[in-house]
């Protein structure tokens, strides 16, 4: 991972928006893509889309975002940037669900009863939190002085939900050592995760 990544990862939405006003700033546009694409893909999957459809929706969402932003259609007074992108993604997901449902069962829940706004925001938040947790762990793994075995123990036990006995055996640890490793990484991870979350949702 590039040395500049931790700085970019915690860049606030305000900083990103300022950078995006320069249409030639490719790193800024690339970082918006890396920040939102995995969240959009996961969100679309949670709404029932296939992997391929979720990937297509994420591409279309980001393309529409770029077009609208460059056309001056977004302003901070209209609400959060993340909420705006969520709205685009939701609209495109519903188009896919309706297209898929209409030929066989136009009365299916996906067609007639799309999730309400509260449910949509909950799904988005859950996917955002999952993506941020994984990104925080990647940053911690790349930049910290934690022992690789300690990081592996946390990954297996806390992130992959591998049973404690199996995770400890794989890492050459006792159960108690596994718990200590989890606690140690958790404390360091919380700091990184808080920074990422604050940057992601700074546009409140």
Protein backbone atom coordinates (compact mmCIF):
# COMPACT_ATOMS: atom_id res chain seq x y z
CA UNK A 1 0.00 0.00 0.00
CA UNK A 2 1.30 3.43 -0.89
CA UNK A 3 2.64 5.53 1.93
CA UNK A 4 0.15 8.29 1.14
CA UNK A 5 -2.87 6.04 1.52
CA UNK A 6 -3.54 6.71 5.24
CA UNK A 7 -3.70 10.43 4.49
CA UNK A 8 -6.02 9.91 1.53
CA UNK A 9 -8.15 7.45 3.46
CA UNK A 10 -8.96 10.03 6.12
CA UNK A 11 -9.50 12.94 3.76
CA UNK A 12 -12.80 14.55 4.71
CA UNK A 13 -15.67 14.94 2.32
CA UNK A 14 -15.13 18.71 2.32
CA UNK A 15 -11.54 18.21 1.20
CA UNK A 16 -12.65 15.78 -1.50
CA UNK A 17 -15.32 18.12 -2.80
CA UNK A 18 -12.81 20.95 -2.98
CA UNK A 19 -10.42 18.72 -4.91
CA UNK A 20 -13.15 17.50 -7.26
CA UNK A 21 -13.84 21.01 -8.46
CA UNK A 22 -10.61 20.61 -10.42
CA UNK A 23 -11.84 18.19 -13.11
CA UNK A 24 -8.26 17.26 -13.96
CA UNK A 25 -7.55 16.03 -10.42
CA UNK A 26 -7.57 12.32 -11.26
CA UNK A 27 -6.35 11.17 -7.81
CA UNK A 28 -9.35 12.84 -6.19
CA UNK A 29 -11.79 11.22 -8.60
CA UNK A 30 -10.02 7.90 -8.13
CA UNK A 31 -10.34 8.15 -4.38
CA UNK A 32 -14.07 8.86 -4.57
CA UNK A 33 -14.33 5.69 -6.62
CA UNK A 34 -12.35 3.65 -4.09
CA UNK A 35 -14.34 5.10 -1.18
CA UNK A 36 -17.82 4.52 -2.54
CA UNK A 37 -17.65 1.66 -5.05
CA UNK A 38 -17.35 -1.20 -2.50
CA UNK A 39 -20.15 0.31 -0.40
CA UNK A 40 -22.43 0.61 -3.44
CA UNK A 41 -21.68 -2.97 -4.51
CA UNK A 42 -22.45 -4.31 -1.04
CA UNK A 43 -25.57 -2.18 -0.74
CA UNK A 44 -26.86 -3.48 -4.08
CA UNK A 45 -26.23 -7.06 -2.99
CA UNK A 46 -28.16 -6.45 0.22
CA UNK A 47 -31.10 -5.34 -1.94
CA UNK A 48 -30.98 -8.68 -3.73
CA UNK A 49 -28.93 -7.96 -6.84
CA UNK A 50 -26.53 -10.50 -8.28
CA UNK A 51 -22.80 -9.87 -8.16
CA UNK A 52 -22.70 -8.84 -11.81
CA UNK A 53 -25.73 -6.54 -11.47
CA UNK A 54 -24.27 -5.00 -8.30
CA UNK A 55 -21.01 -4.25 -10.10
CA UNK A 56 -22.90 -2.71 -13.01
CA UNK A 57 -24.99 -0.55 -10.67
CA UNK A 58 -21.87 0.68 -8.89
CA UNK A 59 -20.32 1.69 -12.21
CA UNK A 60 -23.48 3.45 -13.36
CA UNK A 61 -23.89 5.20 -9.99
CA UNK A 62 -20.38 6.60 -10.03
CA UNK A 63 -20.65 7.60 -13.68
CA UNK A 64 -23.87 9.49 -12.96
CA UNK A 65 -22.28 11.08 -9.88
CA UNK A 66 -19.36 12.36 -11.96
CA UNK A 67 -21.68 13.72 -14.63
CA UNK A 68 -23.97 15.47 -12.13
CA UNK A 69 -21.15 16.89 -10.05
CA UNK A 70 -19.35 18.31 -13.07
CA UNK A 71 -22.64 19.81 -14.23
CA UNK A 72 -22.97 21.62 -10.91
CA UNK A 73 -26.07 19.72 -9.80
CA UNK A 74 -24.78 19.00 -6.29
CA UNK A 75 -24.38 21.52 -3.50
CA UNK A 76 -23.73 21.00 0.20
CA UNK A 77 -27.08 22.62 0.97
CA UNK A 78 -28.87 19.67 -0.61
CA UNK A 79 -27.63 17.28 2.07
CA UNK A 80 -24.87 14.76 2.56
CA UNK A 81 -22.83 13.63 -0.40
CA UNK A 82 -23.24 10.05 0.79
CA UNK A 83 -27.04 10.50 0.86
CA UNK A 84 -26.99 11.83 -2.68
CA UNK A 85 -24.95 8.88 -3.92
CA UNK A 86 -27.24 6.52 -1.97
CA UNK A 87 -30.22 7.98 -3.82
CA UNK A 88 -28.61 7.38 -7.20
CA UNK A 89 -27.67 3.82 -6.25
CA UNK A 90 -31.13 3.04 -4.92
CA UNK A 91 -32.82 4.33 -8.06
CA UNK A 92 -30.59 2.19 -10.26
CA UNK A 93 -31.06 -0.88 -8.05
CA UNK A 94 -34.84 -0.56 -8.30
CA UNK A 95 -34.60 -0.38 -12.07
CA UNK A 96 -32.73 -3.70 -12.07
CA UNK A 97 -35.18 -5.31 -9.62
CA UNK A 98 -38.20 -4.16 -11.59
CA UNK A 99 -36.69 -5.36 -14.85
CA UNK A 100 -35.96 -8.73 -13.28
CA UNK A 101 -39.34 -9.09 -11.57
CA UNK A 102 -41.74 -7.73 -14.15
CA UNK A 103 -41.71 -10.58 -16.71
CA UNK A 104 -42.48 -13.31 -14.20
CA UNK A 105 -44.11 -11.80 -11.14
CA UNK A 106 -44.90 -8.08 -11.22
CA UNK A 107 -46.46 -8.40 -7.74
CA UNK A 108 -43.24 -9.57 -6.10
CA UNK A 109 -42.08 -7.61 -3.02
CA UNK A 110 -39.03 -6.34 -4.89
CA UNK A 111 -41.32 -4.84 -7.51
CA UNK A 112 -44.27 -3.55 -5.47
CA UNK A 113 -42.78 -2.79 -2.08
CA UNK A 114 -39.30 -1.26 -2.27
CA UNK A 115 -37.62 -0.73 1.11
CA UNK A 116 -38.57 2.45 2.94
CA UNK A 117 -36.03 5.22 3.47
CA UNK A 118 -35.16 4.12 7.01
CA UNK A 119 -34.42 0.58 5.84
CA UNK A 120 -32.34 1.85 2.95
CA UNK A 121 -30.24 4.02 5.24
CA UNK A 122 -29.77 1.11 7.63
CA UNK A 123 -28.59 -1.16 4.81
CA UNK A 124 -26.25 1.55 3.53
CA UNK A 125 -24.85 2.18 7.01
CA UNK A 126 -24.24 -1.51 7.64
CA UNK A 127 -22.39 -1.89 4.37
CA UNK A 128 -20.43 1.30 4.95
CA UNK A 129 -19.39 0.07 8.40
CA UNK A 130 -18.31 -3.30 6.99
CA UNK A 131 -16.22 -1.67 4.27
CA UNK A 132 -14.65 0.81 6.70
CA UNK A 133 -13.75 -1.96 9.14
CA UNK A 134 -11.96 -3.93 6.44
CA UNK A 135 -10.19 -0.83 5.16
CA UNK A 136 -9.13 0.15 8.68
CA UNK A 137 -7.66 -3.31 9.20
CA UNK A 138 -5.78 -3.07 5.90
CA UNK A 139 -4.31 0.28 6.92
CA UNK A 140 -3.40 -0.97 10.37
CA UNK A 141 -1.75 -4.06 8.92
CA UNK A 142 0.30 -1.98 6.47
CA UNK A 143 1.35 0.83 8.76
CA UNK A 144 1.56 -0.54 12.31
CA UNK A 145 4.34 -2.34 14.15
CA UNK A 146 2.03 -5.11 15.31
CA UNK A 147 3.32 -8.64 14.94
CA UNK A 148 1.94 -10.39 11.82
CA UNK A 149 0.83 -13.34 13.95
CA UNK A 150 -1.15 -11.00 16.20
CA UNK A 151 -2.82 -9.46 13.16
CA UNK A 152 -3.60 -12.88 11.74
CA UNK A 153 -5.14 -13.98 15.02
CA UNK A 154 -7.44 -10.96 14.98
CA UNK A 155 -8.35 -11.45 11.34
CA UNK A 156 -9.25 -15.09 11.81
CA UNK A 157 -11.12 -14.76 15.08
CA UNK A 158 -12.69 -11.29 14.89
CA UNK A 159 -13.18 -10.73 11.16
CA UNK A 160 -13.64 -14.21 9.72
CA UNK A 161 -15.41 -15.66 12.77
CA UNK A 162 -13.12 -18.69 12.87
CA UNK A 163 -13.72 -20.60 16.16
CA UNK A 164 -11.26 -19.62 18.88
CA UNK A 165 -9.70 -23.08 19.18
CA UNK A 166 -9.12 -23.32 15.44
CA UNK A 167 -7.79 -19.77 15.12
CA UNK A 168 -5.42 -20.24 18.06
CA UNK A 169 -4.11 -23.50 16.62
CA UNK A 170 -3.54 -21.93 13.21
CA UNK A 171 -1.59 -19.06 14.81
CA UNK A 172 0.39 -21.25 17.20
CA UNK A 173 -1.21 -19.58 20.22
CA UNK A 174 -3.06 -20.57 23.33
CA UNK A 175 -6.68 -19.45 23.69
CA UNK A 176 -5.62 -16.82 26.23
CA UNK A 177 -2.97 -15.47 23.86
CA UNK A 178 -5.59 -15.28 21.12
CA UNK A 179 -7.84 -13.16 23.34
CA UNK A 180 -4.94 -10.89 24.23
CA UNK A 181 -4.11 -10.48 20.53
CA UNK A 182 -7.72 -9.61 19.75
CA UNK A 183 -7.80 -7.00 22.52
CA UNK A 184 -4.50 -5.45 21.43
CA UNK A 185 -5.52 -5.11 17.80
CA UNK A 186 -9.02 -3.92 18.69
CA UNK A 187 -7.65 -0.95 20.63
CA UNK A 188 -5.38 0.12 17.77
CA UNK A 189 -8.04 -0.56 15.15
CA UNK A 190 -10.61 1.61 16.88
CA UNK A 191 -8.43 4.70 16.41
CA UNK A 192 -8.02 4.09 12.67
CA UNK A 193 -11.69 3.19 12.24
CA UNK A 194 -12.84 6.33 14.04
CA UNK A 195 -10.72 8.47 11.70
CA UNK A 196 -12.12 6.75 8.61
CA UNK A 197 -15.71 6.98 9.81
CA UNK A 198 -15.36 10.65 10.73
CA UNK A 199 -13.92 11.43 7.28
CA UNK A 200 -16.61 9.44 5.50
CA UNK A 201 -19.48 11.07 7.38
CA UNK A 202 -17.93 14.51 7.88
CA UNK A 203 -20.41 15.98 5.41
CA UNK A 204 -23.25 15.89 7.96
